[in-house]
Amino acid sequence: MSDLKITFGRVARHSVFASEEMSIWGGSLVRGDDGLYHMLYSRWPKRLGWVWVTHSEIAHAVSESPFGPFTFRDVALPPRGVAHWDGLCTHNPNVHRFGDRYYLYYMGNTGDGKVVGEPGKHGLNWLHRNNQRIGVAVADSPGGPWERFDEPVLDVSPDPDAPDSLMTSNPAVCQRPDGGYLMVYKGVGQEYDLPFGGPVVHCVATADSPIGPFVKGGIPIFTIEGDRFPAEDPYIWYQSGKYRAVVKRIRHPGEGARVFSLVQYESEDGFDWRPAKHEHVSDRSIEWEDGETQQFPHLERPQAYIEDGAPIALLCAADAIDEAGVRHSFNVQIPLQVTKE
């Protein structure tokens, strides 16, 4: 079994997918039988502010290259009514082709649809945040139409002491060597005061079918002793005899400060995860093809594009603050250099 070292290649300027009207976040990529690369991504109206938890929808864009440029095509999972578990918000897609069909895993929620706080100082709508559940939609083409279900594919655990009794979100799925399916997901429990709850952890579930039922098992993973929120946004795959993951690591140096980076984990069975030998992937910096280096406030939601069994691109959500102090978010498609050592 080989250790993988993951480094970033230089990024073309056209490998940024942005919009004047919409905040863009969290793209996931799959290739269709049409030869095009299909990105499923999160977006919400920029004019409303940082309102992903209430107003995000999963949209669809296409390109002739995994590195873009991408062109918006349609909305894959639009709002469908407050009575549905995912009726007002769909977010954080993770798309795969298994066999002849396409499976779009995502977070969905519902609530009161209210924007909390003032423009530029938006708070989190806790009703929507704590209504997050994991869903899957199915299609014969990455362009849809997508069949959605009346129930989440992975709900919260009924036991209030369970680590995912408050909410489930951010699914990452891969096919197992035995033909089954492994899901790593974000869960929040109720050990600490509501509405935040916590700790925020990651858990594992398995299924024989890509649409479940998924059976939860094992103990929380990616944990750090004494840290209530150490990681999020995993992407998982199986390569060279091991399960692999690129994960957003969150460090808390004190006084409310948070430091983000991307790191690599590995596992032999999908349940017991440890930092990889070459753990560090990125400090949120990229180098453009023209030689300029840029570090973003956030570089997260890593979603690898796998070709011939190995990742060749990492799609990440990024952002920048303009002269007026307004936050602009977009996706960037990063070439990967993966070596075995």
Protein backbone atom coordinates (compact mmCIF):
# COMPACT_ATOMS: atom_id res chain seq x y z
CA MET A 1 0.00 0.00 0.00
CA SER A 2 1.38 3.37 -1.03
CA ASP A 3 1.52 6.70 0.72
CA LEU A 4 0.15 9.50 -1.44
CA LYS A 5 1.61 12.98 -1.54
CA ILE A 6 -0.83 15.58 -2.88
CA THR A 7 0.40 18.95 -4.11
CA PHE A 8 -1.21 21.71 -6.16
CA GLY A 9 -0.21 22.55 -9.70
CA ARG A 10 -0.44 26.05 -11.15
CA VAL A 11 -3.99 27.27 -11.72
CA ALA A 12 -5.21 28.90 -14.94
CA ARG A 13 -7.11 32.16 -14.57
CA HIS A 14 -10.04 30.63 -16.46
CA SER A 15 -10.26 27.89 -13.81
CA VAL A 16 -12.44 30.13 -11.65
CA PHE A 17 -16.21 29.82 -11.80
CA ALA A 18 -17.85 33.02 -10.56
CA SER A 19 -21.03 35.08 -11.03
CA GLU A 20 -21.92 38.74 -10.69
CA GLU A 21 -25.37 37.95 -9.26
CA MET A 22 -24.84 34.74 -7.30
CA SER A 23 -22.55 33.61 -4.51
CA ILE A 24 -21.06 30.29 -5.65
CA TRP A 25 -19.82 27.53 -3.35
CA GLY A 26 -18.89 23.89 -3.26
CA GLY A 27 -18.69 22.41 -6.77
CA SER A 28 -18.58 18.65 -7.41
CA LEU A 29 -17.67 17.20 -10.79
CA VAL A 30 -18.60 14.20 -12.93
CA ARG A 31 -18.17 13.41 -16.63
CA GLY A 32 -21.19 12.51 -18.75
CA ASP A 33 -21.62 10.26 -21.77
CA ASP A 34 -21.80 13.48 -23.80
CA GLY A 35 -18.08 13.98 -23.13
CA LEU A 36 -18.75 17.14 -21.10
CA TYR A 37 -17.74 17.77 -17.51
CA HIS A 38 -20.77 18.50 -15.34
CA MET A 39 -20.37 20.57 -12.18
CA LEU A 40 -23.08 20.49 -9.53
CA TYR A 41 -22.59 23.40 -7.16
CA SER A 42 -24.25 25.54 -4.49
CA ARG A 43 -25.41 29.09 -5.16
CA TRP A 44 -27.60 31.79 -3.61
CA PRO A 45 -28.41 35.44 -4.47
CA LYS A 46 -25.43 37.65 -3.66
CA ARG A 47 -27.69 40.61 -2.88
CA LEU A 48 -29.09 38.80 0.18
CA GLY A 49 -25.68 38.32 1.79
CA TRP A 50 -24.14 35.19 3.31
CA VAL A 51 -27.43 33.28 3.45
CA TRP A 52 -26.40 29.79 2.34
CA VAL A 53 -28.29 28.08 5.18
CA THR A 54 -31.66 29.49 4.05
CA HIS A 55 -31.36 30.30 0.33
CA SER A 56 -28.85 27.92 -1.27
CA GLU A 57 -29.86 25.82 -4.27
CA ILE A 58 -27.83 23.27 -6.22
CA ALA A 59 -27.21 24.34 -9.80
CA HIS A 60 -25.55 22.76 -12.84
CA ALA A 61 -22.78 24.02 -15.15
CA VAL A 62 -20.80 22.36 -17.96
CA SER A 63 -17.34 22.55 -19.53
CA GLU A 64 -15.24 20.72 -22.09
CA SER A 65 -12.44 20.45 -19.48
CA PRO A 66 -12.39 19.62 -15.77
CA PHE A 67 -10.53 22.90 -15.33
CA GLY A 68 -13.13 25.04 -17.08
CA PRO A 69 -14.25 27.50 -18.12
CA PHE A 70 -17.71 26.43 -16.94
CA THR A 71 -21.05 27.74 -18.21
CA PHE A 72 -24.25 27.75 -16.16
CA ARG A 73 -26.91 25.47 -17.62
CA ASP A 74 -29.79 25.05 -15.15
CA VAL A 75 -30.87 24.55 -11.53
CA ALA A 76 -30.64 20.90 -10.53
CA LEU A 77 -32.38 20.97 -7.12
CA PRO A 78 -34.56 24.08 -6.78
CA PRO A 79 -36.73 24.93 -3.75
CA ARG A 80 -39.83 22.71 -3.64
CA GLY A 81 -41.85 23.98 -0.69
CA VAL A 82 -41.56 24.39 3.05
CA ALA A 83 -43.38 21.09 3.75
CA HIS A 84 -40.53 19.05 2.26
CA TRP A 85 -37.54 18.16 4.43
CA ASP A 86 -35.28 19.76 1.75
CA GLY A 87 -37.89 22.24 0.57
CA LEU A 88 -36.11 25.58 1.04
CA CYS A 89 -32.38 24.83 0.82
CA THR A 90 -30.11 22.38 -1.00
CA HIS A 91 -26.37 22.67 -0.51
CA ASN A 92 -22.93 21.01 -0.57
CA PRO A 93 -23.32 18.49 -3.43
CA ASN A 94 -21.24 15.35 -3.81
CA VAL A 95 -21.96 13.76 -7.20
CA HIS A 96 -20.97 10.29 -8.48
CA ARG A 97 -21.63 7.87 -11.27
CA PHE A 98 -22.22 4.33 -10.03
CA GLY A 99 -22.98 1.94 -12.86
CA ASP A 100 -25.28 3.56 -15.41
CA ARG A 101 -26.85 6.13 -13.07
CA TYR A 102 -25.80 9.33 -11.35
CA TYR A 103 -26.19 9.96 -7.63
CA LEU A 104 -26.23 13.43 -6.14
CA TYR A 105 -25.70 13.48 -2.37
CA TYR A 106 -26.43 16.78 -0.65
CA MET A 107 -27.59 18.65 2.43
CA GLY A 108 -31.20 19.83 2.50
CA ASN A 109 -33.28 21.72 5.03
CA THR A 110 -36.48 23.66 5.59
CA GLY A 111 -37.65 26.29 8.08
CA ASP A 112 -39.01 29.82 8.07
CA GLY A 113 -36.84 31.16 5.22
CA LYS A 114 -35.83 34.24 7.20
CA VAL A 115 -32.57 36.12 6.66
CA VAL A 116 -31.08 36.77 10.09
CA GLY A 117 -29.21 39.98 10.90
CA GLU A 118 -28.25 43.06 8.92
CA PRO A 119 -26.63 43.08 5.47
CA GLY A 120 -22.93 42.51 5.90
CA LYS A 121 -23.51 41.20 9.44
CA HIS A 122 -25.62 38.15 8.77
CA GLY A 123 -26.20 35.68 11.53
CA LEU A 124 -27.06 32.01 11.20
CA ASN A 125 -30.69 30.97 11.03
CA TRP A 126 -30.56 28.24 13.68
CA LEU A 127 -33.88 26.69 12.67
CA HIS A 128 -32.50 25.96 9.20
CA ARG A 129 -29.07 25.01 10.52
CA ASN A 130 -30.50 22.40 12.88
CA ASN A 131 -32.93 21.08 10.25
CA GLN A 132 -30.04 19.96 8.03
CA ARG A 133 -30.35 16.39 6.79
CA ILE A 134 -28.59 14.33 4.10
CA GLY A 135 -30.35 13.44 0.87
CA VAL A 136 -29.64 11.72 -2.42
CA ALA A 137 -31.14 12.43 -5.84
CA VAL A 138 -30.86 10.04 -8.79
CA ALA A 139 -30.73 10.63 -12.56
CA ASP A 140 -29.86 8.88 -15.80
CA SER A 141 -27.79 11.89 -16.86
CA PRO A 142 -25.76 14.46 -14.90
CA GLY A 143 -27.98 17.06 -16.54
CA GLY A 144 -31.03 15.56 -14.83
CA PRO A 145 -33.90 15.47 -14.35
CA TRP A 146 -33.12 14.45 -10.78
CA GLU A 147 -35.48 12.22 -8.83
CA ARG A 148 -35.74 13.42 -5.23
CA PHE A 149 -37.12 11.46 -2.29
CA ASP A 150 -39.67 12.23 0.40
CA GLU A 151 -37.27 11.30 3.19
CA PRO A 152 -33.57 11.95 3.85
CA VAL A 153 -31.18 9.14 3.01
CA LEU A 154 -29.48 9.75 6.37
CA ASP A 155 -31.50 11.31 9.19
CA VAL A 156 -30.49 12.25 12.73
CA SER A 157 -30.23 9.52 15.35
CA PRO A 158 -33.22 9.33 17.72
CA ASP A 159 -31.00 8.85 20.77
CA PRO A 160 -30.37 12.38 22.17
CA ASP A 161 -26.93 11.22 23.36
CA ALA A 162 -25.85 10.18 19.85
CA PRO A 163 -23.14 12.28 18.17
CA ASP A 164 -25.52 13.11 15.29
CA SER A 165 -28.78 13.66 17.19
CA LEU A 166 -29.14 17.35 16.23
CA MET A 167 -28.27 17.45 12.52
CA THR A 168 -26.55 15.57 9.68
CA SER A 169 -24.83 17.25 6.74
CA ASN A 170 -21.95 17.33 4.23
CA PRO A 171 -22.04 13.76 2.86
CA ALA A 172 -18.99 12.23 1.17
CA VAL A 173 -19.55 8.87 -0.54
CA CYS A 174 -17.40 6.34 -2.36
CA GLN A 175 -17.77 2.78 -3.61
CA ARG A 176 -16.08 0.11 -1.52
CA PRO A 177 -13.83 -2.59 -3.01
CA ASP A 178 -16.50 -5.17 -2.09
CA GLY A 179 -19.12 -3.26 -4.10
CA GLY A 180 -20.88 -1.63 -1.17
CA TYR A 181 -20.88 2.09 -0.38
CA LEU A 182 -19.19 4.12 2.34
CA MET A 183 -20.44 7.50 3.56
CA VAL A 184 -18.54 9.91 5.78
CA TYR A 185 -20.73 12.71 7.07
CA LYS A 186 -20.83 15.63 9.47
CA GLY A 187 -22.94 15.23 12.58
CA VAL A 188 -23.77 17.50 15.50
CA GLY A 189 -24.91 16.22 18.86
CA GLN A 190 -26.58 17.79 21.88
CA GLU A 191 -23.91 17.47 24.54
CA TYR A 192 -23.52 21.25 24.70
CA ASP A 193 -26.00 24.10 24.90
CA LEU A 194 -28.39 24.72 22.04
CA PRO A 195 -28.82 26.10 19.47
CA PHE A 196 -25.18 25.32 18.49
CA GLY A 197 -25.04 22.01 20.31
CA GLY A 198 -22.00 19.94 19.60
CA PRO A 199 -19.45 18.67 19.46
CA VAL A 200 -19.25 18.81 15.65
CA VAL A 201 -17.90 15.46 14.52
CA HIS A 202 -17.71 13.13 11.52
CA CYS A 203 -19.24 9.68 11.43
CA VAL A 204 -19.31 6.70 9.06
CA ALA A 205 -22.22 4.79 7.52
CA THR A 206 -22.38 1.95 4.99
CA ALA A 207 -24.94 0.59 2.54
CA ASP A 208 -25.33 -2.12 -0.07
CA SER A 209 -27.06 0.31 -2.43
CA PRO A 210 -26.15 3.92 -3.29
CA ILE A 211 -29.64 5.00 -2.19
CA GLY A 212 -29.35 3.17 1.14
CA PRO A 213 -30.45 2.27 3.64
CA PHE A 214 -27.21 3.44 5.26
CA VAL A 215 -26.27 1.81 8.54
CA LYS A 216 -24.37 3.97 10.99
CA GLY A 217 -21.37 2.45 12.71
CA GLY A 218 -18.13 3.10 14.49
CA ILE A 219 -16.97 6.04 16.56
CA PRO A 220 -16.48 9.66 15.41
CA ILE A 221 -13.47 10.24 13.15
CA PHE A 222 -11.10 13.15 12.39
CA THR A 223 -11.30 14.04 16.09
CA ILE A 224 -8.76 16.09 18.06
CA GLU A 225 -8.63 15.73 21.84
CA GLY A 226 -10.31 18.70 23.53
CA ASP A 227 -11.53 20.22 20.24
CA ARG A 228 -15.30 20.54 19.71
CA PHE A 229 -15.07 21.39 15.98
CA PRO A 230 -11.81 20.13 14.46
CA ALA A 231 -12.76 19.44 10.83
CA GLU A 232 -15.38 19.49 8.11
CA ASP A 233 -15.94 19.09 4.35
CA PRO A 234 -14.31 15.69 3.69
CA TYR A 235 -13.99 14.20 0.22
CA ILE A 236 -13.29 10.45 0.19
CA TRP A 237 -12.13 7.94 -2.40
CA TYR A 238 -10.39 4.53 -2.57
CA GLN A 239 -6.96 4.25 -4.17
CA SER A 240 -3.97 1.89 -3.91
CA GLY A 241 -5.43 -0.27 -1.16
CA LYS A 242 -6.62 2.51 1.16
CA TYR A 243 -9.49 4.90 1.65
CA ARG A 244 -8.29 8.47 1.25
CA ALA A 245 -9.74 11.78 2.37
CA VAL A 246 -8.99 15.45 1.87
CA VAL A 247 -10.46 17.36 4.80
CA LYS A 248 -10.75 20.96 5.94
CA ARG A 249 -8.82 21.17 9.23
CA ILE A 250 -9.93 23.84 11.70
CA ARG A 251 -7.48 24.95 14.37
CA HIS A 252 -8.52 27.14 17.28
CA PRO A 253 -5.50 29.10 18.56
CA GLY A 254 -7.64 30.97 21.10
CA GLU A 255 -9.81 34.04 21.66
CA GLY A 256 -12.28 32.98 18.98
CA ALA A 257 -9.67 32.78 16.21
CA ARG A 258 -9.83 29.97 13.66
CA VAL A 259 -7.13 28.86 11.20
CA PHE A 260 -8.09 26.74 8.19
CA SER A 261 -6.05 24.37 6.05
CA LEU A 262 -6.55 21.28 3.87
CA VAL A 263 -5.12 17.99 5.11
CA GLN A 264 -5.08 14.34 4.07
CA TYR A 265 -6.34 11.37 6.08
CA GLU A 266 -6.24 7.66 5.24
CA SER A 267 -7.90 4.43 6.38
CA GLU A 268 -7.57 0.75 5.62
CA ASP A 269 -11.18 -0.12 6.46
CA GLY A 270 -13.10 3.18 6.15
CA PHE A 271 -13.81 3.34 9.89
CA ASP A 272 -10.43 3.92 11.54
CA TRP A 273 -8.93 7.11 10.06
CA ARG A 274 -5.54 8.65 10.80
CA PRO A 275 -3.53 11.55 9.39
CA ALA A 276 -1.63 10.48 6.28
CA LYS A 277 2.16 10.44 6.22
CA HIS A 278 2.01 13.48 3.92
CA GLU A 279 -0.77 15.14 5.90
CA HIS A 280 -0.49 18.76 4.73
CA VAL A 281 -2.14 19.61 1.42
CA SER A 282 -2.60 23.41 1.43
CA ASP A 283 -2.59 26.48 3.67
CA ARG A 284 -5.35 27.98 1.44
CA SER A 285 -2.79 29.23 -1.10
CA ILE A 286 -2.62 28.63 -4.84
CA GLU A 287 -0.15 29.69 -7.50
CA TRP A 288 -1.59 31.09 -10.70
CA GLU A 289 -0.10 30.18 -14.08
CA ASP A 290 1.35 33.70 -14.33
CA GLY A 291 3.39 33.07 -11.17
CA GLU A 292 1.33 35.10 -8.68
CA THR A 293 0.61 33.36 -5.37
CA GLN A 294 -2.66 34.06 -3.58
CA GLN A 295 -3.92 32.96 -0.18
CA PHE A 296 -7.69 33.03 0.27
CA PRO A 297 -9.59 33.69 3.50
CA HIS A 298 -11.27 30.32 2.86
CA LEU A 299 -10.32 27.45 0.54
CA GLU A 300 -12.65 24.60 1.45
CA ARG A 301 -15.31 22.11 0.31
CA PRO A 302 -12.56 20.09 -1.45
CA GLN A 303 -14.10 17.82 -4.09
CA ALA A 304 -11.70 15.72 -6.14
CA TYR A 305 -12.30 14.73 -9.74
CA ILE A 306 -11.11 11.12 -10.19
CA GLU A 307 -9.86 9.85 -13.54
CA ASP A 308 -8.46 6.34 -14.08
CA GLY A 309 -8.62 5.75 -10.32
CA ALA A 310 -6.62 8.80 -9.26
CA PRO A 311 -7.52 12.44 -8.50
CA ILE A 312 -6.41 14.91 -11.17
CA ALA A 313 -8.27 18.01 -9.98
CA LEU A 314 -9.52 19.45 -6.72
CA LEU A 315 -12.54 21.72 -6.84
CA CYS A 316 -12.62 24.14 -3.91
CA ALA A 317 -14.85 26.94 -2.72
CA ALA A 318 -12.94 30.18 -2.20
CA ASP A 319 -13.64 33.80 -1.45
CA ALA A 320 -12.14 37.27 -1.43
CA ILE A 321 -13.04 40.59 0.18
CA ASP A 322 -13.31 43.60 -2.15
CA GLU A 323 -12.43 47.24 -1.44
CA ALA A 324 -15.90 47.85 -0.03
CA GLY A 325 -15.54 44.97 2.42
CA VAL A 326 -18.04 42.76 0.54
CA ARG A 327 -17.40 39.02 0.48
CA HIS A 328 -17.40 37.39 -2.97
CA SER A 329 -17.33 33.60 -3.26
CA PHE A 330 -16.55 31.37 -6.22
CA ASN A 331 -15.21 27.94 -7.16
CA VAL A 332 -11.66 27.25 -8.32
CA GLN A 333 -10.52 24.12 -10.16
CA ILE A 334 -6.97 23.18 -9.09
CA PRO A 335 -4.71 20.74 -10.97
CA LEU A 336 -3.31 18.05 -8.67
CA GLN A 337 0.07 16.38 -8.65
CA VAL A 338 -0.33 13.05 -6.81
CA THR A 339 2.75 10.94 -6.28
CA LYS A 340 3.17 7.58 -4.53
CA GLU A 341 5.95 7.35 -1.96
